[in-house]
Amino acid sequence: MKTYMAKSTDIERKWYVVDAANVPLGRVASQVADILTGKNKTIYTPHVDCGDFVIVLNSDKVVLTGKKAEDKKLRWHTGYIGGLKEIDYGTLMEKDSPKAIQVAVKGMLPKTSLGRKQITRLHIYKNDKHNHEAQKPEKVEIKGVRI
């Protein structure tokens, strides 16, 4: 029996909609990352980009459990001397909630050119309106939500 290896010509990309209202940030990010990498498909091949497009709605309503809003911080460096910046996730969620989801998903993708290509298929919106009706996206339920 031979192992099936997907080719880039065999991939059919679908569109999925994820409603992130009242769901923990990590649960949303992990399931979105699985769809972006194609791990939800039977033809998943690690070295081939077989993922789909994902639309995340209601990013303003994502939940941070525990004391993550105060304790967890996003850090980056500007490239200049003394340019280390940081912001706590509570403030980040108020100012720019799509960025918080994008950073969480990007951290769960491969740190290669494949991961950089996969993150471009992620579309995040603050409310429940999007402009991708023409692609006929399918709704995806987040598994394991206990809030």
Protein backbone atom coordinates (compact mmCIF):
# COMPACT_ATOMS: atom_id res chain seq x y z
CA MET A 1 0.00 0.00 0.00
CA LYS A 2 1.34 3.40 -0.98
CA THR A 3 1.07 6.61 1.02
CA TYR A 4 -0.96 9.33 -0.67
CA MET A 5 0.88 12.62 -1.12
CA ALA A 6 -1.24 15.59 -2.15
CA LYS A 7 -0.05 17.87 -4.93
CA SER A 8 -0.78 21.58 -5.10
CA THR A 9 -2.93 20.93 -8.19
CA ASP A 10 -5.18 18.51 -6.23
CA ILE A 11 -6.18 21.06 -3.58
CA GLU A 12 -9.71 22.46 -3.60
CA ARG A 13 -10.04 25.40 -1.24
CA LYS A 14 -13.27 26.06 0.64
CA TRP A 15 -14.39 29.00 2.73
CA TYR A 16 -15.39 28.62 6.39
CA VAL A 17 -17.01 31.02 8.85
CA VAL A 18 -16.19 30.83 12.56
CA ASP A 19 -18.25 32.77 15.11
CA ALA A 20 -15.90 33.65 17.97
CA ALA A 21 -18.49 35.19 20.31
CA ASN A 22 -18.12 33.96 23.93
CA VAL A 23 -15.35 31.49 23.05
CA PRO A 24 -11.85 31.49 24.62
CA LEU A 25 -9.12 32.96 22.42
CA GLY A 26 -7.00 29.80 22.42
CA ARG A 27 -9.85 27.54 21.31
CA VAL A 28 -10.67 29.81 18.40
CA ALA A 29 -7.01 30.10 17.40
CA SER A 30 -6.26 26.38 17.52
CA GLN A 31 -9.26 25.36 15.42
CA VAL A 32 -8.69 28.16 12.91
CA ALA A 33 -5.02 27.11 12.62
CA ASP A 34 -6.10 23.52 11.90
CA ILE A 35 -8.34 24.69 9.05
CA LEU A 36 -5.66 27.03 7.64
CA THR A 37 -3.09 24.21 7.57
CA GLY A 38 -5.55 21.68 6.16
CA LYS A 39 -5.39 19.27 9.10
CA ASN A 40 -9.17 18.87 8.95
CA LYS A 41 -8.88 17.21 5.51
CA THR A 42 -8.17 13.59 4.72
CA ILE A 43 -5.57 14.56 2.11
CA TYR A 44 -3.42 16.54 4.58
CA THR A 45 0.24 16.52 3.60
CA PRO A 46 2.69 18.41 5.84
CA HIS A 47 4.85 19.91 3.08
CA VAL A 48 1.93 20.97 0.83
CA ASP A 49 -0.32 23.95 1.47
CA CYS A 50 -3.73 22.24 1.54
CA GLY A 51 -5.56 24.62 3.88
CA ASP A 52 -8.76 26.57 3.37
CA PHE A 53 -9.92 30.17 3.82
CA VAL A 54 -11.31 31.18 7.22
CA ILE A 55 -13.52 34.13 8.19
CA VAL A 56 -13.62 34.90 11.92
CA LEU A 57 -16.58 36.98 13.09
CA ASN A 58 -17.21 38.82 16.39
CA SER A 59 -13.57 39.23 17.39
CA ASP A 60 -14.65 41.86 19.94
CA LYS A 61 -16.56 39.19 21.88
CA VAL A 62 -13.68 36.73 22.32
CA VAL A 63 -13.15 35.73 25.95
CA LEU A 64 -9.86 35.76 27.86
CA THR A 65 -10.11 33.31 30.76
CA GLY A 66 -8.51 33.76 34.17
CA LYS A 67 -6.27 36.78 34.67
CA LYS A 68 -4.93 36.78 31.11
CA ALA A 69 -6.39 40.22 30.40
CA GLU A 70 -3.98 41.76 32.94
CA ASP A 71 -1.09 39.27 33.08
CA LYS A 72 -0.58 38.15 29.45
CA LYS A 73 1.39 40.60 27.33
CA LEU A 74 2.18 40.98 23.65
CA ARG A 75 5.80 42.04 23.15
CA TRP A 76 7.59 43.21 20.02
CA HIS A 77 10.73 45.10 19.14
CA THR A 78 10.83 48.11 16.81
CA GLY A 79 14.41 47.51 15.71
CA TYR A 80 15.76 50.60 17.42
CA ILE A 81 17.82 50.74 20.60
CA GLY A 82 15.49 50.44 23.60
CA GLY A 83 12.61 49.68 21.26
CA LEU A 84 11.00 46.82 23.20
CA LYS A 85 7.26 47.50 23.33
CA GLU A 86 4.55 45.62 25.17
CA ILE A 87 0.81 45.79 25.66
CA ASP A 88 -1.41 43.67 27.88
CA TYR A 89 -4.13 41.63 26.20
CA GLY A 90 -6.97 43.46 27.94
CA THR A 91 -5.92 46.72 26.31
CA LEU A 92 -5.19 44.97 23.01
CA MET A 93 -8.68 43.46 22.92
CA GLU A 94 -10.22 46.92 23.45
CA LYS A 95 -8.06 48.66 20.84
CA ASP A 96 -7.53 46.03 18.14
CA SER A 97 -9.20 42.66 18.80
CA PRO A 98 -8.55 41.28 15.26
CA LYS A 99 -4.81 41.64 15.90
CA ALA A 100 -5.07 39.56 19.09
CA ILE A 101 -6.68 36.71 17.15
CA GLN A 102 -4.20 37.02 14.29
CA VAL A 103 -1.20 36.87 16.65
CA ALA A 104 -2.65 33.80 18.41
CA VAL A 105 -3.32 31.97 15.14
CA LYS A 106 0.04 32.93 13.64
CA GLY A 107 1.80 31.45 16.66
CA MET A 108 0.13 28.10 15.95
CA LEU A 109 1.15 27.97 12.28
CA PRO A 110 4.50 26.71 10.97
CA LYS A 111 7.32 29.26 11.17
CA THR A 112 8.21 28.77 7.49
CA SER A 113 7.24 30.20 4.12
CA LEU A 114 4.30 27.76 4.22
CA GLY A 115 2.99 29.37 7.42
CA ARG A 116 3.40 32.86 5.99
CA LYS A 117 1.29 31.85 3.00
CA GLN A 118 -1.37 30.23 5.20
CA ILE A 119 -1.92 33.30 7.41
CA THR A 120 -2.88 35.33 4.33
CA ARG A 121 -6.09 33.26 4.02
CA LEU A 122 -7.35 34.44 7.43
CA HIS A 123 -9.98 37.21 7.45
CA ILE A 124 -11.05 38.66 10.83
CA TYR A 125 -13.98 41.01 11.48
CA LYS A 126 -15.01 42.78 14.69
CA ASN A 127 -18.74 42.22 14.20
CA ASP A 128 -20.91 39.62 12.45
CA LYS A 129 -20.87 41.26 9.00
CA HIS A 130 -18.46 40.28 6.24
CA ASN A 131 -18.24 40.82 2.51
CA HIS A 132 -17.53 37.23 1.41
CA GLU A 133 -21.07 36.01 0.69
CA ALA A 134 -20.12 35.33 -2.94
CA GLN A 135 -17.73 32.57 -1.80
CA LYS A 136 -20.60 30.72 -0.03
CA PRO A 137 -18.74 30.03 3.24
CA GLU A 138 -19.73 27.10 5.46
CA LYS A 139 -20.34 27.66 9.17
CA VAL A 140 -17.98 25.87 11.57
CA GLU A 141 -18.85 25.22 15.21
CA ILE A 142 -16.08 25.59 17.78
CA LYS A 143 -15.61 22.29 19.60
CA GLY A 144 -15.27 22.04 23.36
CA VAL A 145 -16.77 25.35 24.43
CA ARG A 146 -17.68 25.34 28.14
CA ILE A 147 -18.41 28.98 28.94
